[in-house]
Amino acid sequence: MAELRGEGTWSIVFREILPNAANVLLVEFSLRLSYAPILIGALGFLGFGIRPPTPEWGLMISENRNLLIVSPVTVFGAGLGLASLVIGFNLFTDGLSRMLGQRPVAGA
């Protein structure tokens, strides 16, 4: 329909395609952004991540799992930090998606 009105390619992309694909792209971005810290934490927990002098949540959990009975704060602190980062990413992109989804309709 936009081509029949004589609109250009970029106008069609920005006015017709991009607004309809924005929510899907934000969900995909949210998933990929959330997978990255979890993957880095898992690699650090298994010993394939950043070397020990550098702080990293997966490494902190791995090094302190023997002290879980004595001092659970060391393990739960790193785990809660990682979980709050991932949940924060998801809530941020969900809020952004909701904000972009509430566009006023032209002519209404």
PDB file of N, CA and C in Angstrom:
ATOM      1  N   MET A   1       0.814  -1.182   0.000  1.00  0.00           N
ATOM      2  CA  MET A   1       0.000   0.000   0.000  1.00  0.00           C
ATOM      3  C   MET A   1       0.868   1.260   0.000  1.00  0.00           C
ATOM      4  N   ALA A   2       1.963   1.216   0.779  1.00  0.00           N
ATOM      5  CA  ALA A   2       2.841   2.383   0.847  1.00  0.00           C
ATOM      6  C   ALA A   2       3.547   2.608  -0.487  1.00  0.00           C
ATOM      7  N   GLU A   3       3.872   1.537  -1.194  1.00  0.00           N
ATOM      8  CA  GLU A   3       4.501   1.694  -2.506  1.00  0.00           C
ATOM      9  C   GLU A   3       3.530   2.331  -3.499  1.00  0.00           C
ATOM     10  N   LEU A   4       2.265   1.990  -3.372  1.00  0.00           N
ATOM     11  CA  LEU A   4       1.275   2.569  -4.274  1.00  0.00           C
ATOM     12  C   LEU A   4       1.091   4.066  -4.019  1.00  0.00           C
ATOM     13  N   ARG A   5       1.330   4.502  -2.795  1.00  0.00           N
ATOM     14  CA  ARG A   5       1.252   5.928  -2.481  1.00  0.00           C
ATOM     15  C   ARG A   5       2.493   6.674  -2.934  1.00  0.00           C
ATOM     16  N   GLY A   6       3.532   5.933  -3.339  1.00  0.00           N
ATOM     17  CA  GLY A   6       4.741   6.561  -3.846  1.00  0.00           C
ATOM     18  C   GLY A   6       5.785   6.843  -2.784  1.00  0.00           C
ATOM     19  N   GLU A   7       5.693   6.183  -1.655  1.00  0.00           N
ATOM     20  CA  GLU A   7       6.675   6.394  -0.592  1.00  0.00           C
ATOM     21  C   GLU A   7       7.978   5.683  -0.929  1.00  0.00           C
ATOM     22  N   GLY A   8       9.077   6.244  -0.420  1.00  0.00           N
ATOM     23  CA  GLY A   8      10.383   5.674  -0.670  1.00  0.00           C
ATOM     24  C   GLY A   8      10.661   4.459   0.210  1.00  0.00           C
ATOM     25  N   THR A   9      11.764   3.793  -0.079  1.00  0.00           N
ATOM     26  CA  THR A   9      12.114   2.565   0.639  1.00  0.00           C
ATOM     27  C   THR A   9      12.357   2.832   2.113  1.00  0.00           C
ATOM     28  N   TRP A  10      13.116   3.868   2.436  1.00  0.00           N
ATOM     29  CA  TRP A  10      13.424   4.153   3.839  1.00  0.00           C
ATOM     30  C   TRP A  10      12.186   4.601   4.598  1.00  0.00           C
ATOM     31  N   SER A  11      11.312   5.299   3.934  1.00  0.00           N
ATOM     32  CA  SER A  11      10.054   5.698   4.560  1.00  0.00           C
ATOM     33  C   SER A  11       9.205   4.471   4.896  1.00  0.00           C
ATOM     34  N   ILE A  12       9.189   3.503   4.023  1.00  0.00           N
ATOM     35  CA  ILE A  12       8.448   2.262   4.275  1.00  0.00           C
ATOM     36  C   ILE A  12       9.067   1.500   5.436  1.00  0.00           C
ATOM     37  N   VAL A  13      10.399   1.453   5.467  1.00  0.00           N
ATOM     38  CA  VAL A  13      11.078   0.730   6.547  1.00  0.00           C
ATOM     39  C   VAL A  13      10.782   1.378   7.890  1.00  0.00           C
ATOM     40  N   PHE A  14      10.910   2.704   7.999  1.00  0.00           N
ATOM     41  CA  PHE A  14      10.760   3.378   9.283  1.00  0.00           C
ATOM     42  C   PHE A  14       9.304   3.586   9.698  1.00  0.00           C
ATOM     43  N   ARG A  15       8.383   3.659   8.752  1.00  0.00           N
ATOM     44  CA  ARG A  15       6.981   3.906   9.120  1.00  0.00           C
ATOM     45  C   ARG A  15       6.132   2.645   9.161  1.00  0.00           C
ATOM     46  N   GLU A  16       6.469   1.635   8.397  1.00  0.00           N
ATOM     47  CA  GLU A  16       5.618   0.451   8.300  1.00  0.00           C
ATOM     48  C   GLU A  16       6.244  -0.781   8.960  1.00  0.00           C
ATOM     49  N   ILE A  17       7.497  -1.065   8.659  1.00  0.00           N
ATOM     50  CA  ILE A  17       8.108  -2.315   9.115  1.00  0.00           C
ATOM     51  C   ILE A  17       8.664  -2.196  10.524  1.00  0.00           C
ATOM     52  N   LEU A  18       9.457  -1.180  10.793  1.00  0.00           N
ATOM     53  CA  LEU A  18      10.124  -1.058  12.086  1.00  0.00           C
ATOM     54  C   LEU A  18       9.171  -0.943  13.277  1.00  0.00           C
ATOM     55  N   PRO A  19       8.094  -0.155  13.216  1.00  0.00           N
ATOM     56  CA  PRO A  19       7.181  -0.121  14.365  1.00  0.00           C
ATOM     57  C   PRO A  19       6.525  -1.469  14.658  1.00  0.00           C
ATOM     58  N   ASN A  20       6.276  -2.254  13.638  1.00  0.00           N
ATOM     59  CA  ASN A  20       5.657  -3.561  13.854  1.00  0.00           C
ATOM     60  C   ASN A  20       6.656  -4.601  14.339  1.00  0.00           C
ATOM     61  N   ALA A  21       7.928  -4.398  14.071  1.00  0.00           N
ATOM     62  CA  ALA A  21       8.943  -5.359  14.482  1.00  0.00           C
ATOM     63  C   ALA A  21       9.652  -4.951  15.764  1.00  0.00           C
ATOM     64  N   ALA A  22       9.351  -3.777  16.312  1.00  0.00           N
ATOM     65  CA  ALA A  22      10.081  -3.268  17.475  1.00  0.00           C
ATOM     66  C   ALA A  22       9.927  -4.177  18.692  1.00  0.00           C
ATOM     67  N   ASN A  23       8.714  -4.639  18.976  1.00  0.00           N
ATOM     68  CA  ASN A  23       8.516  -5.494  20.147  1.00  0.00           C
ATOM     69  C   ASN A  23       9.253  -6.815  20.009  1.00  0.00           C
ATOM     70  N   VAL A  24       9.210  -7.396  18.835  1.00  0.00           N
ATOM     71  CA  VAL A  24       9.911  -8.663  18.612  1.00  0.00           C
ATOM     72  C   VAL A  24      11.419  -8.470  18.745  1.00  0.00           C
ATOM     73  N   LEU A  25      11.931  -7.374  18.207  1.00  0.00           N
ATOM     74  CA  LEU A  25      13.363  -7.100  18.311  1.00  0.00           C
ATOM     75  C   LEU A  25      13.776  -6.843  19.757  1.00  0.00           C
ATOM     76  N   LEU A  26      12.929  -6.165  20.544  1.00  0.00           N
ATOM     77  CA  LEU A  26      13.256  -5.923  21.949  1.00  0.00           C
ATOM     78  C   LEU A  26      13.251  -7.211  22.759  1.00  0.00           C
ATOM     79  N   VAL A  27      12.333  -8.111  22.475  1.00  0.00           N
ATOM     80  CA  VAL A  27      12.321  -9.405  23.174  1.00  0.00           C
ATOM     81  C   VAL A  27      13.581 -10.194  22.833  1.00  0.00           C
ATOM     82  N   GLU A  28      13.959 -10.207  21.584  1.00  0.00           N
ATOM     83  CA  GLU A  28      15.176 -10.915  21.180  1.00  0.00           C
ATOM     84  C   GLU A  28      16.405 -10.282  21.815  1.00  0.00           C
ATOM     85  N   PHE A  29      16.458  -8.965  21.849  1.00  0.00           N
ATOM     86  CA  PHE A  29      17.561  -8.256  22.488  1.00  0.00           C
ATOM     87  C   PHE A  29      17.623  -8.589  23.973  1.00  0.00           C
ATOM     88  N   SER A  30      16.463  -8.633  24.623  1.00  0.00           N
ATOM     89  CA  SER A  30      16.397  -8.947  26.050  1.00  0.00           C
ATOM     90  C   SER A  30      16.918 -10.353  26.322  1.00  0.00           C
ATOM     91  N   LEU A  31      16.524 -11.309  25.505  1.00  0.00           N
ATOM     92  CA  LEU A  31      16.990 -12.687  25.706  1.00  0.00           C
ATOM     93  C   LEU A  31      18.500 -12.801  25.514  1.00  0.00           C
ATOM     94  N   ARG A  32      19.006 -12.197  24.476  1.00  0.00           N
ATOM     95  CA  ARG A  32      20.450 -12.277  24.223  1.00  0.00           C
ATOM     96  C   ARG A  32      21.252 -11.517  25.277  1.00  0.00           C
ATOM     97  N   LEU A  33      20.717 -10.392  25.737  1.00  0.00           N
ATOM     98  CA  LEU A  33      21.388  -9.619  26.772  1.00  0.00           C
ATOM     99  C   LEU A  33      21.386 -10.369  28.102  1.00  0.00           C
ATOM    100  N   SER A  34      20.356 -11.156  28.346  1.00  0.00           N
ATOM    101  CA  SER A  34      20.276 -11.933  29.582  1.00  0.00           C
ATOM    102  C   SER A  34      21.134 -13.192  29.521  1.00  0.00           C
ATOM    103  N   TYR A  35      21.266 -13.772  28.342  1.00  0.00           N
ATOM    104  CA  TYR A  35      22.076 -14.983  28.214  1.00  0.00           C
ATOM    105  C   TYR A  35      23.561 -14.711  28.435  1.00  0.00           C
ATOM    106  N   ALA A  36      24.014 -13.528  28.085  1.00  0.00           N
ATOM    107  CA  ALA A  36      25.446 -13.222  28.167  1.00  0.00           C
ATOM    108  C   ALA A  36      25.988 -13.292  29.598  1.00  0.00           C
ATOM    109  N   PRO A  37      25.402 -12.623  30.602  1.00  0.00           N
ATOM    110  CA  PRO A  37      25.951 -12.746  31.956  1.00  0.00           C
ATOM    111  C   PRO A  37      25.805 -14.148  32.530  1.00  0.00           C
ATOM    112  N   ILE A  38      24.718 -14.839  32.175  1.00  0.00           N
ATOM    113  CA  ILE A  38      24.541 -16.205  32.659  1.00  0.00           C
ATOM    114  C   ILE A  38      25.615 -17.107  32.068  1.00  0.00           C
ATOM    115  N   LEU A  39      25.905 -16.958  30.797  1.00  0.00           N
ATOM    116  CA  LEU A  39      26.942 -17.771  30.161  1.00  0.00           C
ATOM    117  C   LEU A  39      28.313 -17.460  30.745  1.00  0.00           C
ATOM    118  N   ILE A  40      28.608 -16.195  30.941  1.00  0.00           N
ATOM    119  CA  ILE A  40      29.902 -15.818  31.521  1.00  0.00           C
ATOM    120  C   ILE A  40      30.019 -16.338  32.950  1.00  0.00           C
ATOM    121  N   GLY A  41      28.919 -16.250  33.720  1.00  0.00           N
ATOM    122  CA  GLY A  41      28.926 -16.786  35.075  1.00  0.00           C
ATOM    123  C   GLY A  41      29.094 -18.293  35.097  1.00  0.00           C
ATOM    124  N   ALA A  42      28.436 -18.987  34.176  1.00  0.00           N
ATOM    125  CA  ALA A  42      28.572 -20.446  34.114  1.00  0.00           C
ATOM    126  C   ALA A  42      29.993 -20.850  33.736  1.00  0.00           C
ATOM    127  N   LEU A  43      30.585 -20.146  32.787  1.00  0.00           N
ATOM    128  CA  LEU A  43      31.972 -20.447  32.413  1.00  0.00           C
ATOM    129  C   LEU A  43      32.918 -20.161  33.569  1.00  0.00           C
ATOM    130  N   GLY A  44      32.679 -19.084  34.301  1.00  0.00           N
ATOM    131  CA  GLY A  44      33.503 -18.781  35.468  1.00  0.00           C
ATOM    132  C   GLY A  44      33.340 -19.822  36.553  1.00  0.00           C
ATOM    133  N   PHE A  45      32.125 -20.320  36.753  1.00  0.00           N
ATOM    134  CA  PHE A  45      31.882 -21.356  37.749  1.00  0.00           C
ATOM    135  C   PHE A  45      32.615 -22.648  37.395  1.00  0.00           C
ATOM    136  N   LEU A  46      32.649 -22.977  36.119  1.00  0.00           N
ATOM    137  CA  LEU A  46      33.328 -24.198  35.672  1.00  0.00           C
ATOM    138  C   LEU A  46      34.840 -24.037  35.574  1.00  0.00           C
ATOM    139  N   GLY A  47      35.336 -22.827  35.700  1.00  0.00           N
ATOM    140  CA  GLY A  47      36.775 -22.597  35.645  1.00  0.00           C
ATOM    141  C   GLY A  47      37.298 -22.194  34.293  1.00  0.00           C
ATOM    142  N   PHE A  48      36.418 -21.905  33.349  1.00  0.00           N
ATOM    143  CA  PHE A  48      36.842 -21.510  32.006  1.00  0.00           C
ATOM    144  C   PHE A  48      36.717 -20.014  31.765  1.00  0.00           C
ATOM    145  N   GLY A  49      36.462 -19.250  32.803  1.00  0.00           N
ATOM    146  CA  GLY A  49      36.234 -17.815  32.657  1.00  0.00           C
ATOM    147  C   GLY A  49      37.483 -17.006  32.929  1.00  0.00           C
ATOM    148  N   ILE A  50      37.270 -15.848  33.507  1.00  0.00           N
ATOM    149  CA  ILE A  50      38.343 -14.917  33.821  1.00  0.00           C
ATOM    150  C   ILE A  50      39.187 -15.493  34.959  1.00  0.00           C
ATOM    151  N   ARG A  51      40.468 -15.256  34.929  1.00  0.00           N
ATOM    152  CA  ARG A  51      41.376 -15.817  35.929  1.00  0.00           C
ATOM    153  C   ARG A  51      41.170 -15.205  37.312  1.00  0.00           C
ATOM    154  N   PRO A  52      41.506 -15.908  38.394  1.00  0.00           N
ATOM    155  CA  PRO A  52      41.156 -15.556  39.764  1.00  0.00           C
ATOM    156  C   PRO A  52      41.446 -14.159  40.303  1.00  0.00           C
ATOM    157  N   PRO A  53      42.446 -13.440  39.944  1.00  0.00           N
ATOM    158  CA  PRO A  53      42.540 -12.118  40.582  1.00  0.00           C
ATOM    159  C   PRO A  53      41.402 -11.176  40.195  1.00  0.00           C
ATOM    160  N   THR A  54      40.797 -11.395  39.062  1.00  0.00           N
ATOM    161  CA  THR A  54      39.723 -10.528  38.602  1.00  0.00           C
ATOM    162  C   THR A  54      38.391 -11.010  39.190  1.00  0.00           C
ATOM    163  N   PRO A  55      37.608 -10.112  39.811  1.00  0.00           N
ATOM    164  CA  PRO A  55      36.335 -10.546  40.383  1.00  0.00           C
ATOM    165  C   PRO A  55      35.315 -10.875  39.295  1.00  0.00           C
ATOM    166  N   GLU A  56      34.631 -11.982  39.479  1.00  0.00           N
ATOM    167  CA  GLU A  56      33.606 -12.418  38.539  1.00  0.00           C
ATOM    168  C   GLU A  56      32.620 -13.291  39.308  1.00  0.00           C
ATOM    169  N   TRP A  57      31.318 -13.121  39.076  1.00  0.00           N
ATOM    170  CA  TRP A  57      30.309 -13.758  39.905  1.00  0.00           C
ATOM    171  C   TRP A  57      30.367 -15.279  39.861  1.00  0.00           C
ATOM    172  N   GLY A  58      30.542 -15.864  38.704  1.00  0.00           N
ATOM    173  CA  GLY A  58      30.622 -17.320  38.604  1.00  0.00           C
ATOM    174  C   GLY A  58      31.823 -17.865  39.358  1.00  0.00           C
ATOM    175  N   LEU A  59      32.937 -17.178  39.281  1.00  0.00           N
ATOM    176  CA  LEU A  59      34.137 -17.586  40.004  1.00  0.00           C
ATOM    177  C   LEU A  59      33.940 -17.439  41.506  1.00  0.00           C
ATOM    178  N   MET A  60      33.254 -16.375  41.933  1.00  0.00           N
ATOM    179  CA  MET A  60      32.972 -16.188  43.360  1.00  0.00           C
ATOM    180  C   MET A  60      32.113 -17.322  43.905  1.00  0.00           C
ATOM    181  N   ILE A  61      31.117 -17.719  43.150  1.00  0.00           N
ATOM    182  CA  ILE A  61      30.256 -18.826  43.579  1.00  0.00           C
ATOM    183  C   ILE A  61      31.056 -20.114  43.643  1.00  0.00           C
ATOM    184  N   SER A  62      31.895 -20.352  42.653  1.00  0.00           N
ATOM    185  CA  SER A  62      32.696 -21.577  42.624  1.00  0.00           C
ATOM    186  C   SER A  62      33.699 -21.636  43.768  1.00  0.00           C
ATOM    187  N   GLU A  63      34.378 -20.525  44.044  1.00  0.00           N
ATOM    188  CA  GLU A  63      35.382 -20.521  45.104  1.00  0.00           C
ATOM    189  C   GLU A  63      34.763 -20.641  46.490  1.00  0.00           C
ATOM    190  N   ASN A  64      33.558 -20.146  46.664  1.00  0.00           N
ATOM    191  CA  ASN A  64      32.952 -20.117  47.994  1.00  0.00           C
ATOM    192  C   ASN A  64      31.909 -21.202  48.214  1.00  0.00           C
ATOM    193  N   ARG A  65      31.751 -22.131  47.300  1.00  0.00           N
ATOM    194  CA  ARG A  65      30.740 -23.169  47.511  1.00  0.00           C
ATOM    195  C   ARG A  65      31.103 -24.118  48.645  1.00  0.00           C
ATOM    196  N   ASN A  66      32.395 -24.238  48.971  1.00  0.00           N
ATOM    197  CA  ASN A  66      32.803 -25.061  50.114  1.00  0.00           C
ATOM    198  C   ASN A  66      32.442 -24.397  51.441  1.00  0.00           C
ATOM    199  N   LEU A  67      32.292 -23.093  51.438  1.00  0.00           N
ATOM    200  CA  LEU A  67      31.952 -22.348  52.647  1.00  0.00           C
ATOM    201  C   LEU A  67      30.451 -22.094  52.767  1.00  0.00           C
ATOM    202  N   LEU A  68      29.649 -22.821  52.017  1.00  0.00           N
ATOM    203  CA  LEU A  68      28.210 -22.588  52.001  1.00  0.00           C
ATOM    204  C   LEU A  68      27.577 -22.786  53.377  1.00  0.00           C
ATOM    205  N   ILE A  69      28.052 -23.741  54.145  1.00  0.00           N
ATOM    206  CA  ILE A  69      27.507 -23.989  55.484  1.00  0.00           C
ATOM    207  C   ILE A  69      27.958 -22.906  56.456  1.00  0.00           C
ATOM    208  N   VAL A  70      29.219 -22.493  56.358  1.00  0.00           N
ATOM    209  CA  VAL A  70      29.786 -21.527  57.300  1.00  0.00           C
ATOM    210  C   VAL A  70      29.317 -20.110  57.012  1.00  0.00           C
ATOM    211  N   SER A  71      29.421 -19.690  55.757  1.00  0.00           N
ATOM    212  CA  SER A  71      29.080 -18.316  55.382  1.00  0.00           C
ATOM    213  C   SER A  71      28.316 -18.314  54.055  1.00  0.00           C
ATOM    214  N   PRO A  72      26.994 -18.520  54.107  1.00  0.00           N
ATOM    215  CA  PRO A  72      26.232 -18.576  52.859  1.00  0.00           C
ATOM    216  C   PRO A  72      26.104 -17.235  52.142  1.00  0.00           C
ATOM    217  N   VAL A  73      26.422 -16.147  52.830  1.00  0.00           N
ATOM    218  CA  VAL A  73      26.299 -14.820  52.210  1.00  0.00           C
ATOM    219  C   VAL A  73      27.239 -14.684  51.019  1.00  0.00           C
ATOM    220  N   THR A  74      28.395 -15.304  51.095  1.00  0.00           N
ATOM    221  CA  THR A  74      29.366 -15.174  50.007  1.00  0.00           C
ATOM    222  C   THR A  74      28.853 -15.802  48.715  1.00  0.00           C
ATOM    223  N   VAL A  75      28.131 -16.903  48.840  1.00  0.00           N
ATOM    224  CA  VAL A  75      27.588 -17.557  47.650  1.00  0.00           C
ATOM    225  C   VAL A  75      26.298 -16.881  47.212  1.00  0.00           C
ATOM    226  N   PHE A  76      25.411 -16.621  48.170  1.00  0.00           N
ATOM    227  CA  PHE A  76      24.129 -16.023  47.818  1.00  0.00           C
ATOM    228  C   PHE A  76      24.270 -14.585  47.338  1.00  0.00           C
ATOM    229  N   GLY A  77      25.268 -13.880  47.825  1.00  0.00           N
ATOM    230  CA  GLY A  77      25.489 -12.509  47.374  1.00  0.00           C
ATOM    231  C   GLY A  77      25.823 -12.451  45.894  1.00  0.00           C
ATOM    232  N   ALA A  78      26.745 -13.307  45.477  1.00  0.00           N
ATOM    233  CA  ALA A  78      27.118 -13.339  44.063  1.00  0.00           C
ATOM    234  C   ALA A  78      25.965 -13.857  43.204  1.00  0.00           C
ATOM    235  N   GLY A  79      25.258 -14.859  43.706  1.00  0.00           N
ATOM    236  CA  GLY A  79      24.112 -15.396  42.963  1.00  0.00           C
ATOM    237  C   GLY A  79      22.991 -14.384  42.836  1.00  0.00           C
ATOM    238  N   LEU A  80      22.704 -13.655  43.909  1.00  0.00           N
ATOM    239  CA  LEU A  80      21.671 -12.624  43.852  1.00  0.00           C
ATOM    240  C   LEU A  80      22.085 -11.447  42.962  1.00  0.00           C
ATOM    241  N   GLY A  81      23.375 -11.139  42.957  1.00  0.00           N
ATOM    242  CA  GLY A  81      23.859 -10.086  42.058  1.00  0.00           C
ATOM    243  C   GLY A  81      23.656 -10.457  40.602  1.00  0.00           C
ATOM    244  N   LEU A  82      23.984 -11.680  40.259  1.00  0.00           N
ATOM    245  CA  LEU A  82      23.805 -12.164  38.892  1.00  0.00           C
ATOM    246  C   LEU A  82      22.327 -12.231  38.529  1.00  0.00           C
ATOM    247  N   ALA A  83      21.517 -12.751  39.444  1.00  0.00           N
ATOM    248  CA  ALA A  83      20.077 -12.851  39.180  1.00  0.00           C
ATOM    249  C   ALA A  83      19.436 -11.474  39.054  1.00  0.00           C
ATOM    250  N   SER A  84      19.831 -10.531  39.897  1.00  0.00           N
ATOM    251  CA  SER A  84      19.238  -9.191  39.811  1.00  0.00           C
ATOM    252  C   SER A  84      19.658  -8.479  38.526  1.00  0.00           C
ATOM    253  N   LEU A  85      20.861  -8.731  38.043  1.00  0.00           N
ATOM    254  CA  LEU A  85      21.285  -8.145  36.770  1.00  0.00           C
ATOM    255  C   LEU A  85      20.424  -8.664  35.625  1.00  0.00           C
ATOM    256  N   VAL A  86      20.201  -9.970  35.581  1.00  0.00           N
ATOM    257  CA  VAL A  86      19.406 -10.567  34.506  1.00  0.00           C
ATOM    258  C   VAL A  86      17.947 -10.113  34.597  1.00  0.00           C
ATOM    259  N   ILE A  87      17.387 -10.095  35.809  1.00  0.00           N
ATOM    260  CA  ILE A  87      16.009  -9.637  35.973  1.00  0.00           C
ATOM    261  C   ILE A  87      15.900  -8.154  35.632  1.00  0.00           C
ATOM    262  N   GLY A  88      16.902  -7.371  35.998  1.00  0.00           N
ATOM    263  CA  GLY A  88      16.909  -5.954  35.646  1.00  0.00           C
ATOM    264  C   GLY A  88      16.927  -5.730  34.143  1.00  0.00           C
ATOM    265  N   PHE A  89      17.734  -6.509  33.411  1.00  0.00           N
ATOM    266  CA  PHE A  89      17.737  -6.414  31.951  1.00  0.00           C
ATOM    267  C   PHE A  89      16.352  -6.714  31.391  1.00  0.00           C
ATOM    268  N   ASN A  90      15.729  -7.778  31.888  1.00  0.00           N
ATOM    269  CA  ASN A  90      14.419  -8.161  31.381  1.00  0.00           C
ATOM    270  C   ASN A  90      13.356  -7.120  31.707  1.00  0.00           C
ATOM    271  N   LEU A  91      13.368  -6.566  32.910  1.00  0.00           N
ATOM    272  CA  LEU A  91      12.394  -5.549  33.271  1.00  0.00           C
ATOM    273  C   LEU A  91      12.603  -4.263  32.469  1.00  0.00           C
ATOM    274  N   PHE A  92      13.859  -3.908  32.227  1.00  0.00           N
ATOM    275  CA  PHE A  92      14.155  -2.716  31.432  1.00  0.00           C
ATOM    276  C   PHE A  92      13.617  -2.850  30.014  1.00  0.00           C
ATOM    277  N   THR A  93      13.900  -3.972  29.369  1.00  0.00           N
ATOM    278  CA  THR A  93      13.431  -4.143  27.993  1.00  0.00           C
ATOM    279  C   THR A  93      11.917  -4.326  27.942  1.00  0.00           C
ATOM    280  N   ASP A  94      11.315  -4.919  28.983  1.00  0.00           N
ATOM    281  CA  ASP A  94       9.863  -5.030  29.029  1.00  0.00           C
ATOM    282  C   ASP A  94       9.225  -3.647  29.149  1.00  0.00           C
ATOM    283  N   GLY A  95       9.774  -2.800  30.001  1.00  0.00           N
ATOM    284  CA  GLY A  95       9.268  -1.442  30.125  1.00  0.00           C
ATOM    285  C   GLY A  95       9.452  -0.641  28.847  1.00  0.00           C
ATOM    286  N   LEU A  96      10.588  -0.826  28.195  1.00  0.00           N
ATOM    287  CA  LEU A  96      10.837  -0.141  26.927  1.00  0.00           C
ATOM    288  C   LEU A  96       9.861  -0.608  25.855  1.00  0.00           C
ATOM    289  N   SER A  97       9.578  -1.910  25.843  1.00  0.00           N
ATOM    290  CA  SER A  97       8.631  -2.454  24.881  1.00  0.00           C
ATOM    291  C   SER A  97       7.229  -1.909  25.129  1.00  0.00           C
ATOM    292  N   ARG A  98       6.840  -1.812  26.393  1.00  0.00           N
ATOM    293  CA  ARG A  98       5.517  -1.266  26.711  1.00  0.00           C
ATOM    294  C   ARG A  98       5.437   0.216  26.356  1.00  0.00           C
ATOM    295  N   MET A  99       6.525   0.927  26.594  1.00  0.00           N
ATOM    296  CA  MET A  99       6.530   2.350  26.262  1.00  0.00           C
ATOM    297  C   MET A  99       6.413   2.562  24.756  1.00  0.00           C
ATOM    298  N   LEU A 100       7.118   1.763  23.978  1.00  0.00           N
ATOM    299  CA  LEU A 100       7.061   1.899  22.523  1.00  0.00           C
ATOM    300  C   LEU A 100       5.747   1.372  21.952  1.00  0.00           C
ATOM    301  N   GLY A 101       5.094   0.463  22.658  1.00  0.00           N
ATOM    302  CA  GLY A 101       3.846  -0.108  22.174  1.00  0.00           C
ATOM    303  C   GLY A 101       2.654   0.807  22.361  1.00  0.00           C
ATOM    304  N   GLN A 102       2.772   1.860  23.131  1.00  0.00           N
ATOM    305  CA  GLN A 102       1.656   2.767  23.393  1.00  0.00           C
ATOM    306  C   GLN A 102       1.770   4.024  22.540  1.00  0.00           C
ATOM    307  N   ARG A 103       1.813   3.841  21.252  1.00  0.00           N
ATOM    308  CA  ARG A 103       1.883   4.969  20.338  1.00  0.00           C
ATOM    309  C   ARG A 103       0.481   5.479  20.017  1.00  0.00           C
ATOM    310  N   PRO A 104       0.310   6.771  19.935  1.00  0.00           N
ATOM    311  CA  PRO A 104      -1.001   7.276  19.528  1.00  0.00           C
ATOM    312  C   PRO A 104      -1.266   6.933  18.063  1.00  0.00           C
ATOM    313  N   VAL A 105      -2.480   6.542  17.763  1.00  0.00           N
ATOM    314  CA  VAL A 105      -2.851   6.179  16.398  1.00  0.00           C
ATOM    315  C   VAL A 105      -3.196   7.471  15.645  1.00  0.00           C
ATOM    316  N   ALA A 106      -2.656   7.597  14.441  1.00  0.00           N
ATOM    317  CA  ALA A 106      -2.908   8.794  13.649  1.00  0.00           C
ATOM    318  C   ALA A 106      -4.375   8.839  13.227  1.00  0.00           C
ATOM    319  N   GLY A 107      -4.982   9.968  13.441  1.00  0.00           N
ATOM    320  CA  GLY A 107      -6.379  10.150  13.035  1.00  0.00           C
ATOM    321  C   GLY A 107      -7.385   9.693  14.071  1.00  0.00           C
ATOM    322  N   ALA A 108      -6.919   9.243  15.240  1.00  0.00           N
ATOM    323  CA  ALA A 108      -7.861   8.775  16.262  1.00  0.00           C
ATOM    324  C   ALA A 108      -8.045   9.797  17.350  1.00  0.00           C
TER     325      ALA A 108
END
